[in-house]
PDB file of all heavy atoms in Angstrom:
ATOM      1  N   THR A   1      73.579  77.815 -87.471  1.00  0.00           N
ATOM      2  CA  THR A   1      73.246  79.013 -86.675  1.00  0.00           C
ATOM      3  C   THR A   1      74.282  79.197 -85.576  1.00  0.00           C
ATOM      4  O   THR A   1      74.992  78.285 -85.144  1.00  0.00           O
ATOM      5  CB  THR A   1      71.835  78.843 -86.059  1.00  0.00           C
ATOM      6  OG1 THR A   1      71.541  80.051 -85.328  1.00  0.00           O
ATOM      7  CG2 THR A   1      71.758  77.652 -85.116  1.00  0.00           C
ATOM      8  N   GLN A   2      74.365  80.430 -85.095  1.00  0.00           N
ATOM      9  CA  GLN A   2      75.137  80.789 -83.932  1.00  0.00           C
ATOM     10  C   GLN A   2      74.229  81.018 -82.734  1.00  0.00           C
ATOM     11  O   GLN A   2      74.687  81.420 -81.670  1.00  0.00           O
ATOM     12  CB  GLN A   2      75.967  82.073 -84.191  1.00  0.00           C
ATOM     13  CG  GLN A   2      76.965  81.894 -85.312  1.00  0.00           C
ATOM     14  CD  GLN A   2      78.015  80.824 -84.960  1.00  0.00           C
ATOM     15  OE1 GLN A   2      78.503  80.789 -83.842  1.00  0.00           O
ATOM     16  NE2 GLN A   2      78.294  79.959 -85.902  1.00  0.00           N
ATOM     17  N   ALA A   3      72.899  80.785 -82.910  1.00  0.00           N
ATOM     18  CA  ALA A   3      71.945  80.997 -81.804  1.00  0.00           C
ATOM     19  C   ALA A   3      72.305  80.096 -80.635  1.00  0.00           C
ATOM     20  O   ALA A   3      72.578  78.910 -80.801  1.00  0.00           O
ATOM     21  CB  ALA A   3      70.532  80.728 -82.291  1.00  0.00           C
ATOM     22  N   GLY A   4      72.246  80.676 -79.440  1.00  0.00           N
ATOM     23  CA  GLY A   4      72.590  79.906 -78.239  1.00  0.00           C
ATOM     24  C   GLY A   4      71.398  79.374 -77.474  1.00  0.00           C
ATOM     25  O   GLY A   4      71.504  78.576 -76.599  1.00  0.00           O
ATOM     26  N   SER A   5      70.201  79.941 -77.849  1.00  0.00           N
ATOM     27  CA  SER A   5      68.984  79.601 -77.135  1.00  0.00           C
ATOM     28  C   SER A   5      67.836  79.489 -78.140  1.00  0.00           C
ATOM     29  O   SER A   5      67.929  80.035 -79.255  1.00  0.00           O
ATOM     30  CB  SER A   5      68.660  80.626 -76.081  1.00  0.00           C
ATOM     31  OG  SER A   5      68.271  81.842 -76.703  1.00  0.00           O
ATOM     32  N   PRO A   6      66.755  78.864 -77.754  1.00  0.00           N
ATOM     33  CA  PRO A   6      65.572  78.846 -78.619  1.00  0.00           C
ATOM     34  C   PRO A   6      65.078  80.276 -78.923  1.00  0.00           C
ATOM     35  O   PRO A   6      64.581  80.514 -80.038  1.00  0.00           O
ATOM     36  CB  PRO A   6      64.511  78.032 -77.838  1.00  0.00           C
ATOM     37  CG  PRO A   6      65.349  77.133 -76.954  1.00  0.00           C
ATOM     38  CD  PRO A   6      66.534  77.987 -76.581  1.00  0.00           C
ATOM     39  N   ALA A   7      65.137  81.167 -77.963  1.00  0.00           N
ATOM     40  CA  ALA A   7      64.678  82.576 -78.247  1.00  0.00           C
ATOM     41  C   ALA A   7      65.525  83.183 -79.362  1.00  0.00           C
ATOM     42  O   ALA A   7      64.946  83.867 -80.278  1.00  0.00           O
ATOM     43  CB  ALA A   7      64.767  83.391 -76.929  1.00  0.00           C
ATOM     44  N   GLU A   8      66.809  83.023 -79.309  1.00  0.00           N
ATOM     45  CA  GLU A   8      67.700  83.569 -80.343  1.00  0.00           C
ATOM     46  C   GLU A   8      67.391  82.875 -81.674  1.00  0.00           C
ATOM     47  O   GLU A   8      67.393  83.529 -82.729  1.00  0.00           O
ATOM     48  CB  GLU A   8      69.139  83.363 -79.951  1.00  0.00           C
ATOM     49  CG  GLU A   8      69.560  84.228 -78.784  1.00  0.00           C
ATOM     50  CD  GLU A   8      71.011  83.920 -78.309  1.00  0.00           C
ATOM     51  OE1 GLU A   8      71.712  83.181 -78.991  1.00  0.00           O
ATOM     52  OE2 GLU A   8      71.364  84.489 -77.282  1.00  0.00           O
ATOM     53  N   LEU A   9      67.165  81.584 -81.625  1.00  0.00           N
ATOM     54  CA  LEU A   9      66.911  80.856 -82.881  1.00  0.00           C
ATOM     55  C   LEU A   9      65.528  81.293 -83.465  1.00  0.00           C
ATOM     56  O   LEU A   9      65.467  81.447 -84.702  1.00  0.00           O
ATOM     57  CB  LEU A   9      66.850  79.326 -82.588  1.00  0.00           C
ATOM     58  CG  LEU A   9      66.645  78.438 -83.778  1.00  0.00           C
ATOM     59  CD1 LEU A   9      67.722  78.598 -84.797  1.00  0.00           C
ATOM     60  CD2 LEU A   9      66.522  76.971 -83.328  1.00  0.00           C
ATOM     61  N   PHE A  10      64.552  81.515 -82.605  1.00  0.00           N
ATOM     62  CA  PHE A  10      63.248  81.972 -83.163  1.00  0.00           C
ATOM     63  C   PHE A  10      63.409  83.309 -83.802  1.00  0.00           C
ATOM     64  O   PHE A  10      62.823  83.576 -84.853  1.00  0.00           O
ATOM     65  CB  PHE A  10      62.199  82.015 -82.061  1.00  0.00           C
ATOM     66  CG  PHE A  10      60.804  82.260 -82.576  1.00  0.00           C
ATOM     67  CD1 PHE A  10      59.991  81.161 -82.941  1.00  0.00           C
ATOM     68  CD2 PHE A  10      60.352  83.517 -82.741  1.00  0.00           C
ATOM     69  CE1 PHE A  10      58.766  81.402 -83.449  1.00  0.00           C
ATOM     70  CE2 PHE A  10      59.085  83.750 -83.288  1.00  0.00           C
ATOM     71  CZ  PHE A  10      58.310  82.683 -83.619  1.00  0.00           C
ATOM     72  N   SER A  11      64.177  84.196 -83.212  1.00  0.00           N
ATOM     73  CA  SER A  11      64.401  85.515 -83.765  1.00  0.00           C
ATOM     74  C   SER A  11      65.057  85.364 -85.148  1.00  0.00           C
ATOM     75  O   SER A  11      64.688  86.100 -86.072  1.00  0.00           O
ATOM     76  CB  SER A  11      65.281  86.368 -82.861  1.00  0.00           C
ATOM     77  OG  SER A  11      64.569  86.700 -81.674  1.00  0.00           O
ATOM     78  N   GLU A  12      65.993  84.505 -85.246  1.00  0.00           N
ATOM     79  CA  GLU A  12      66.666  84.217 -86.560  1.00  0.00           C
ATOM     80  C   GLU A  12      65.674  83.712 -87.552  1.00  0.00           C
ATOM     81  O   GLU A  12      65.611  84.149 -88.740  1.00  0.00           O
ATOM     82  CB  GLU A  12      67.798  83.249 -86.341  1.00  0.00           C
ATOM     83  CG  GLU A  12      68.557  82.967 -87.625  1.00  0.00           C
ATOM     84  CD  GLU A  12      69.745  81.974 -87.383  1.00  0.00           C
ATOM     85  OE1 GLU A  12      70.362  82.005 -86.315  1.00  0.00           O
ATOM     86  OE2 GLU A  12      70.026  81.201 -88.289  1.00  0.00           O
ATOM     87  N   CYS A  13      64.808  82.757 -87.129  1.00  0.00           N
ATOM     88  CA  CYS A  13      63.840  82.241 -88.048  1.00  0.00           C
ATOM     89  C   CYS A  13      62.788  83.280 -88.438  1.00  0.00           C
ATOM     90  O   CYS A  13      62.366  83.372 -89.588  1.00  0.00           O
ATOM     91  CB  CYS A  13      63.106  81.048 -87.364  1.00  0.00           C
ATOM     92  SG  CYS A  13      64.158  79.581 -87.130  1.00  0.00           S
ATOM     93  N   ALA A  14      62.446  84.185 -87.524  1.00  0.00           N
ATOM     94  CA  ALA A  14      61.501  85.279 -87.828  1.00  0.00           C
ATOM     95  C   ALA A  14      62.084  86.258 -88.856  1.00  0.00           C
ATOM     96  O   ALA A  14      61.353  86.812 -89.679  1.00  0.00           O
ATOM     97  CB  ALA A  14      61.075  85.980 -86.561  1.00  0.00           C
ATOM     98  N   ARG A  15      63.414  86.434 -88.844  1.00  0.00           N
ATOM     99  CA  ARG A  15      64.019  87.274 -89.852  1.00  0.00           C
ATOM    100  C   ARG A  15      63.960  86.597 -91.199  1.00  0.00           C
ATOM    101  O   ARG A  15      63.820  87.246 -92.234  1.00  0.00           O
ATOM    102  CB  ARG A  15      65.480  87.599 -89.459  1.00  0.00           C
ATOM    103  CG  ARG A  15      65.650  88.610 -88.366  1.00  0.00           C
ATOM    104  CD  ARG A  15      67.016  89.115 -88.151  1.00  0.00           C
ATOM    105  NE  ARG A  15      67.992  88.053 -87.782  1.00  0.00           N
ATOM    106  CZ  ARG A  15      68.185  87.627 -86.594  1.00  0.00           C
ATOM    107  NH1 ARG A  15      67.525  88.101 -85.544  1.00  0.00           N
ATOM    108  NH2 ARG A  15      69.090  86.675 -86.355  1.00  0.00           N
ATOM    109  N   ARG A  16      64.084  85.243 -91.227  1.00  0.00           N
ATOM    110  CA  ARG A  16      64.001  84.522 -92.513  1.00  0.00           C
ATOM    111  C   ARG A  16      62.596  84.361 -92.995  1.00  0.00           C
ATOM    112  O   ARG A  16      62.346  84.276 -94.178  1.00  0.00           O
ATOM    113  CB  ARG A  16      64.588  83.108 -92.289  1.00  0.00           C
ATOM    114  CG  ARG A  16      66.076  83.086 -91.932  1.00  0.00           C
ATOM    115  CD  ARG A  16      66.511  81.716 -91.481  1.00  0.00           C
ATOM    116  NE  ARG A  16      66.220  80.629 -92.403  1.00  0.00           N
ATOM    117  CZ  ARG A  16      66.955  80.225 -93.398  1.00  0.00           C
ATOM    118  NH1 ARG A  16      68.095  80.841 -93.621  1.00  0.00           N
ATOM    119  NH2 ARG A  16      66.577  79.239 -94.166  1.00  0.00           N
ATOM    120  N   HIS A  17      61.653  84.269 -92.049  1.00  0.00           N
ATOM    121  CA  HIS A  17      60.200  84.063 -92.386  1.00  0.00           C
ATOM    122  C   HIS A  17      59.444  85.157 -91.665  1.00  0.00           C
ATOM    123  O   HIS A  17      58.978  84.963 -90.509  1.00  0.00           O
ATOM    124  CB  HIS A  17      59.689  82.699 -91.921  1.00  0.00           C
ATOM    125  CG  HIS A  17      60.540  81.578 -92.366  1.00  0.00           C
ATOM    126  ND1 HIS A  17      60.469  81.094 -93.690  1.00  0.00           N
ATOM    127  CD2 HIS A  17      61.453  80.771 -91.748  1.00  0.00           C
ATOM    128  CE1 HIS A  17      61.330  80.117 -93.838  1.00  0.00           C
ATOM    129  NE2 HIS A  17      61.905  79.903 -92.684  1.00  0.00           N
ATOM    130  N   GLN A  18      59.263  86.312 -92.331  1.00  0.00           N
ATOM    131  CA  GLN A  18      58.683  87.473 -91.682  1.00  0.00           C
ATOM    132  C   GLN A  18      57.242  87.247 -91.187  1.00  0.00           C
ATOM    133  O   GLN A  18      56.709  88.058 -90.418  1.00  0.00           O
ATOM    134  CB  GLN A  18      58.800  88.677 -92.575  1.00  0.00           C
ATOM    135  CG  GLN A  18      60.250  89.042 -92.794  1.00  0.00           C
ATOM    136  CD  GLN A  18      60.474  90.204 -93.644  1.00  0.00           C
ATOM    137  OE1 GLN A  18      59.525  90.853 -94.096  1.00  0.00           O
ATOM    138  NE2 GLN A  18      61.745  90.588 -93.866  1.00  0.00           N
ATOM    139  N   GLN A  19      56.595  86.180 -91.628  1.00  0.00           N
ATOM    140  CA  GLN A  19      55.241  85.917 -91.216  1.00  0.00           C
ATOM    141  C   GLN A  19      55.175  85.414 -89.765  1.00  0.00           C
ATOM    142  O   GLN A  19      54.133  85.363 -89.156  1.00  0.00           O
ATOM    143  CB  GLN A  19      54.550  84.931 -92.143  1.00  0.00           C
ATOM    144  CG  GLN A  19      54.659  85.235 -93.599  1.00  0.00           C
ATOM    145  CD  GLN A  19      55.950  84.701 -94.232  1.00  0.00           C
ATOM    146  OE1 GLN A  19      56.997  84.603 -93.659  1.00  0.00           O
ATOM    147  NE2 GLN A  19      55.850  84.339 -95.494  1.00  0.00           N
ATOM    148  N   LEU A  20      56.303  84.944 -89.253  1.00  0.00           N
ATOM    149  CA  LEU A  20      56.330  84.402 -87.837  1.00  0.00           C
ATOM    150  C   LEU A  20      56.104  85.598 -86.901  1.00  0.00           C
ATOM    151  O   LEU A  20      56.599  86.694 -87.086  1.00  0.00           O
ATOM    152  CB  LEU A  20      57.651  83.729 -87.542  1.00  0.00           C
ATOM    153  CG  LEU A  20      57.912  82.410 -88.218  1.00  0.00           C
ATOM    154  CD1 LEU A  20      59.287  81.899 -87.855  1.00  0.00           C
ATOM    155  CD2 LEU A  20      56.838  81.389 -87.862  1.00  0.00           C
ATOM    156  N   HIS A  21      55.333  85.313 -85.849  1.00  0.00           N
ATOM    157  CA  HIS A  21      54.999  86.351 -84.894  1.00  0.00           C
ATOM    158  C   HIS A  21      55.751  86.131 -83.574  1.00  0.00           C
ATOM    159  O   HIS A  21      56.371  85.089 -83.365  1.00  0.00           O
ATOM    160  CB  HIS A  21      53.508  86.347 -84.643  1.00  0.00           C
ATOM    161  CG  HIS A  21      52.711  86.690 -85.885  1.00  0.00           C
ATOM    162  ND1 HIS A  21      52.608  87.957 -86.425  1.00  0.00           N
ATOM    163  CD2 HIS A  21      52.031  85.896 -86.758  1.00  0.00           C
ATOM    164  CE1 HIS A  21      51.891  87.962 -87.518  1.00  0.00           C
ATOM    165  NE2 HIS A  21      51.558  86.673 -87.735  1.00  0.00           N
ATOM    166  N   ASN A  22      55.593  87.066 -82.726  1.00  0.00           N
ATOM    167  CA  ASN A  22      56.219  87.039 -81.427  1.00  0.00           C
ATOM    168  C   ASN A  22      56.020  85.699 -80.740  1.00  0.00           C
ATOM    169  O   ASN A  22      54.923  85.154 -80.725  1.00  0.00           O
ATOM    170  CB  ASN A  22      55.639  88.152 -80.563  1.00  0.00           C
ATOM    171  CG  ASN A  22      56.417  88.345 -79.265  1.00  0.00           C
ATOM    172  OD1 ASN A  22      56.821  87.347 -78.625  1.00  0.00           O
ATOM    173  ND2 ASN A  22      56.551  89.582 -78.883  1.00  0.00           N
ATOM    174  N   TYR A  23      57.066  85.181 -80.132  1.00  0.00           N
ATOM    175  CA  TYR A  23      56.991  83.869 -79.531  1.00  0.00           C
ATOM    176  C   TYR A  23      56.578  83.900 -78.043  1.00  0.00           C
ATOM    177  O   TYR A  23      56.402  82.872 -77.397  1.00  0.00           O
ATOM    178  CB  TYR A  23      58.337  83.139 -79.637  1.00  0.00           C
ATOM    179  CG  TYR A  23      59.441  83.836 -78.811  1.00  0.00           C
ATOM    180  CD1 TYR A  23      59.586  83.511 -77.416  1.00  0.00           C
ATOM    181  CD2 TYR A  23      60.284  84.729 -79.346  1.00  0.00           C
ATOM    182  CE1 TYR A  23      60.553  84.112 -76.693  1.00  0.00           C
ATOM    183  CE2 TYR A  23      61.287  85.316 -78.634  1.00  0.00           C
ATOM    184  CZ  TYR A  23      61.416  85.012 -77.307  1.00  0.00           C
ATOM    185  OH  TYR A  23      62.393  85.606 -76.541  1.00  0.00           O
ATOM    186  N   SER A  24      56.358  85.060 -77.466  1.00  0.00           N
ATOM    187  CA  SER A  24      56.225  85.183 -76.006  1.00  0.00           C
ATOM    188  C   SER A  24      55.166  84.250 -75.399  1.00  0.00           C
ATOM    189  O   SER A  24      55.361  83.824 -74.234  1.00  0.00           O
ATOM    190  CB  SER A  24      55.974  86.637 -75.640  1.00  0.00           C
ATOM    191  OG  SER A  24      54.707  87.036 -76.158  1.00  0.00           O
ATOM    192  N   THR A  25      54.116  83.932 -76.120  1.00  0.00           N
ATOM    193  CA  THR A  25      53.106  83.085 -75.576  1.00  0.00           C
ATOM    194  C   THR A  25      53.137  81.667 -76.192  1.00  0.00           C
ATOM    195  O   THR A  25      52.249  80.851 -76.007  1.00  0.00           O
ATOM    196  CB  THR A  25      51.699  83.649 -75.723  1.00  0.00           C
ATOM    197  OG1 THR A  25      51.470  83.871 -77.096  1.00  0.00           O
ATOM    198  CG2 THR A  25      51.523  84.891 -74.906  1.00  0.00           C
ATOM    199  N   SER A  26      54.188  81.413 -76.968  1.00  0.00           N
ATOM    200  CA  SER A  26      54.376  80.120 -77.660  1.00  0.00           C
ATOM    201  C   SER A  26      55.162  79.162 -76.779  1.00  0.00           C
ATOM    202  O   SER A  26      55.668  79.520 -75.761  1.00  0.00           O
ATOM    203  CB  SER A  26      55.100  80.345 -78.989  1.00  0.00           C
ATOM    204  OG  SER A  26      54.392  81.252 -79.777  1.00  0.00           O
ATOM    205  N   LEU A  27      55.187  77.934 -77.207  1.00  0.00           N
ATOM    206  CA  LEU A  27      55.916  76.893 -76.523  1.00  0.00           C
ATOM    207  C   LEU A  27      57.079  76.389 -77.376  1.00  0.00           C
ATOM    208  O   LEU A  27      57.046  76.492 -78.622  1.00  0.00           O
ATOM    209  CB  LEU A  27      55.038  75.716 -76.211  1.00  0.00           C
ATOM    210  CG  LEU A  27      53.807  76.025 -75.329  1.00  0.00           C
ATOM    211  CD1 LEU A  27      52.913  74.772 -75.214  1.00  0.00           C
ATOM    212  CD2 LEU A  27      54.284  76.460 -73.938  1.00  0.00           C
ATOM    213  N   VAL A  28      58.094  75.912 -76.729  1.00  0.00           N
ATOM    214  CA  VAL A  28      59.269  75.344 -77.416  1.00  0.00           C
ATOM    215  C   VAL A  28      59.695  74.012 -76.780  1.00  0.00           C
ATOM    216  O   VAL A  28      59.520  73.823 -75.579  1.00  0.00           O
ATOM    217  CB  VAL A  28      60.464  76.359 -77.397  1.00  0.00           C
ATOM    218  CG1 VAL A  28      60.959  76.582 -75.978  1.00  0.00           C
ATOM    219  CG2 VAL A  28      61.600  75.905 -78.288  1.00  0.00           C
ATOM    220  N   ALA A  29      60.160  73.134 -77.616  1.00  0.00           N
ATOM    221  CA  ALA A  29      60.731  71.870 -77.135  1.00  0.00           C
ATOM    222  C   ALA A  29      62.094  71.670 -77.783  1.00  0.00           C
ATOM    223  O   ALA A  29      62.268  72.085 -78.895  1.00  0.00           O
ATOM    224  CB  ALA A  29      59.805  70.714 -77.464  1.00  0.00           C
ATOM    225  N   ILE A  30      62.966  71.029 -77.065  1.00  0.00           N
ATOM    226  CA  ILE A  30      64.249  70.644 -77.590  1.00  0.00           C
ATOM    227  C   ILE A  30      64.393  69.149 -77.498  1.00  0.00           C
ATOM    228  O   ILE A  30      64.239  68.614 -76.397  1.00  0.00           O
ATOM    229  CB  ILE A  30      65.425  71.336 -76.825  1.00  0.00           C
ATOM    230  CG1 ILE A  30      65.310  72.841 -76.884  1.00  0.00           C
ATOM    231  CG2 ILE A  30      66.788  70.880 -77.405  1.00  0.00           C
ATOM    232  CD1 ILE A  30      66.261  73.575 -75.975  1.00  0.00           C
ATOM    233  N   ASN A  31      64.579  68.523 -78.620  1.00  0.00           N
ATOM    234  CA  ASN A  31      64.688  67.064 -78.668  1.00  0.00           C
ATOM    235  C   ASN A  31      63.491  66.372 -77.994  1.00  0.00           C
ATOM    236  O   ASN A  31      63.676  65.457 -77.179  1.00  0.00           O
ATOM    237  CB  ASN A  31      66.016  66.575 -78.054  1.00  0.00           C
ATOM    238  CG  ASN A  31      67.215  67.179 -78.804  1.00  0.00           C
ATOM    239  OD1 ASN A  31      67.157  67.350 -80.009  1.00  0.00           O
ATOM    240  ND2 ASN A  31      68.202  67.549 -78.054  1.00  0.00           N
ATOM    241  N   ASP A  32      62.277  66.876 -78.315  1.00  0.00           N
ATOM    242  CA  ASP A  32      61.032  66.324 -77.847  1.00  0.00           C
ATOM    243  C   ASP A  32      60.778  66.504 -76.347  1.00  0.00           C
ATOM    244  O   ASP A  32      59.887  65.859 -75.751  1.00  0.00           O
ATOM    245  CB  ASP A  32      60.869  64.875 -78.174  1.00  0.00           C
ATOM    246  CG  ASP A  32      60.784  64.615 -79.693  1.00  0.00           C
ATOM    247  OD1 ASP A  32      60.138  65.475 -80.333  1.00  0.00           O
ATOM    248  OD2 ASP A  32      61.296  63.595 -80.185  1.00  0.00           O
ATOM    249  N   GLU A  33      61.491  67.403 -75.693  1.00  0.00           N
ATOM    250  CA  GLU A  33      61.289  67.763 -74.282  1.00  0.00           C
ATOM    251  C   GLU A  33      60.906  69.219 -74.201  1.00  0.00           C
ATOM    252  O   GLU A  33      61.625  70.057 -74.681  1.00  0.00           O
ATOM    253  CB  GLU A  33      62.562  67.483 -73.433  1.00  0.00           C
ATOM    254  CG  GLU A  33      63.058  66.076 -73.522  1.00  0.00           C
ATOM    255  CD  GLU A  33      62.887  65.364 -72.224  1.00  0.00           C
ATOM    256  OE1 GLU A  33      62.683  65.993 -71.198  1.00  0.00           O
ATOM    257  OE2 GLU A  33      63.019  64.114 -72.283  1.00  0.00           O
ATOM    258  N   MET A  34      59.777  69.513 -73.558  1.00  0.00           N
ATOM    259  CA  MET A  34      59.366  70.872 -73.382  1.00  0.00           C
ATOM    260  C   MET A  34      60.465  71.631 -72.683  1.00  0.00           C
ATOM    261  O   MET A  34      61.095  71.122 -71.708  1.00  0.00           O
ATOM    262  CB  MET A  34      58.063  70.969 -72.580  1.00  0.00           C
ATOM    263  CG  MET A  34      56.891  70.346 -73.335  1.00  0.00           C
ATOM    264  SD  MET A  34      56.673  70.848 -75.056  1.00  0.00           S
ATOM    265  CE  MET A  34      56.208  72.524 -74.898  1.00  0.00           C
ATOM    266  N   SER A  35      60.781  72.810 -73.190  1.00  0.00           N
ATOM    267  CA  SER A  35      61.952  73.609 -72.694  1.00  0.00           C
ATOM    268  C   SER A  35      61.599  75.044 -72.448  1.00  0.00           C
ATOM    269  O   SER A  35      60.531  75.505 -72.815  1.00  0.00           O
ATOM    270  CB  SER A  35      63.067  73.495 -73.718  1.00  0.00           C
ATOM    271  OG  SER A  35      63.445  72.140 -73.966  1.00  0.00           O
TER     272      SER A  35
END
């Protein structure tokens, strides 16, 4: 990926998997650390 942030990465994943929904109220972790 060329995504620079989890938000960009999630958008890329949502294009690949159209069933994914808006992440605005979701949580993200990078390398097991909440981010």
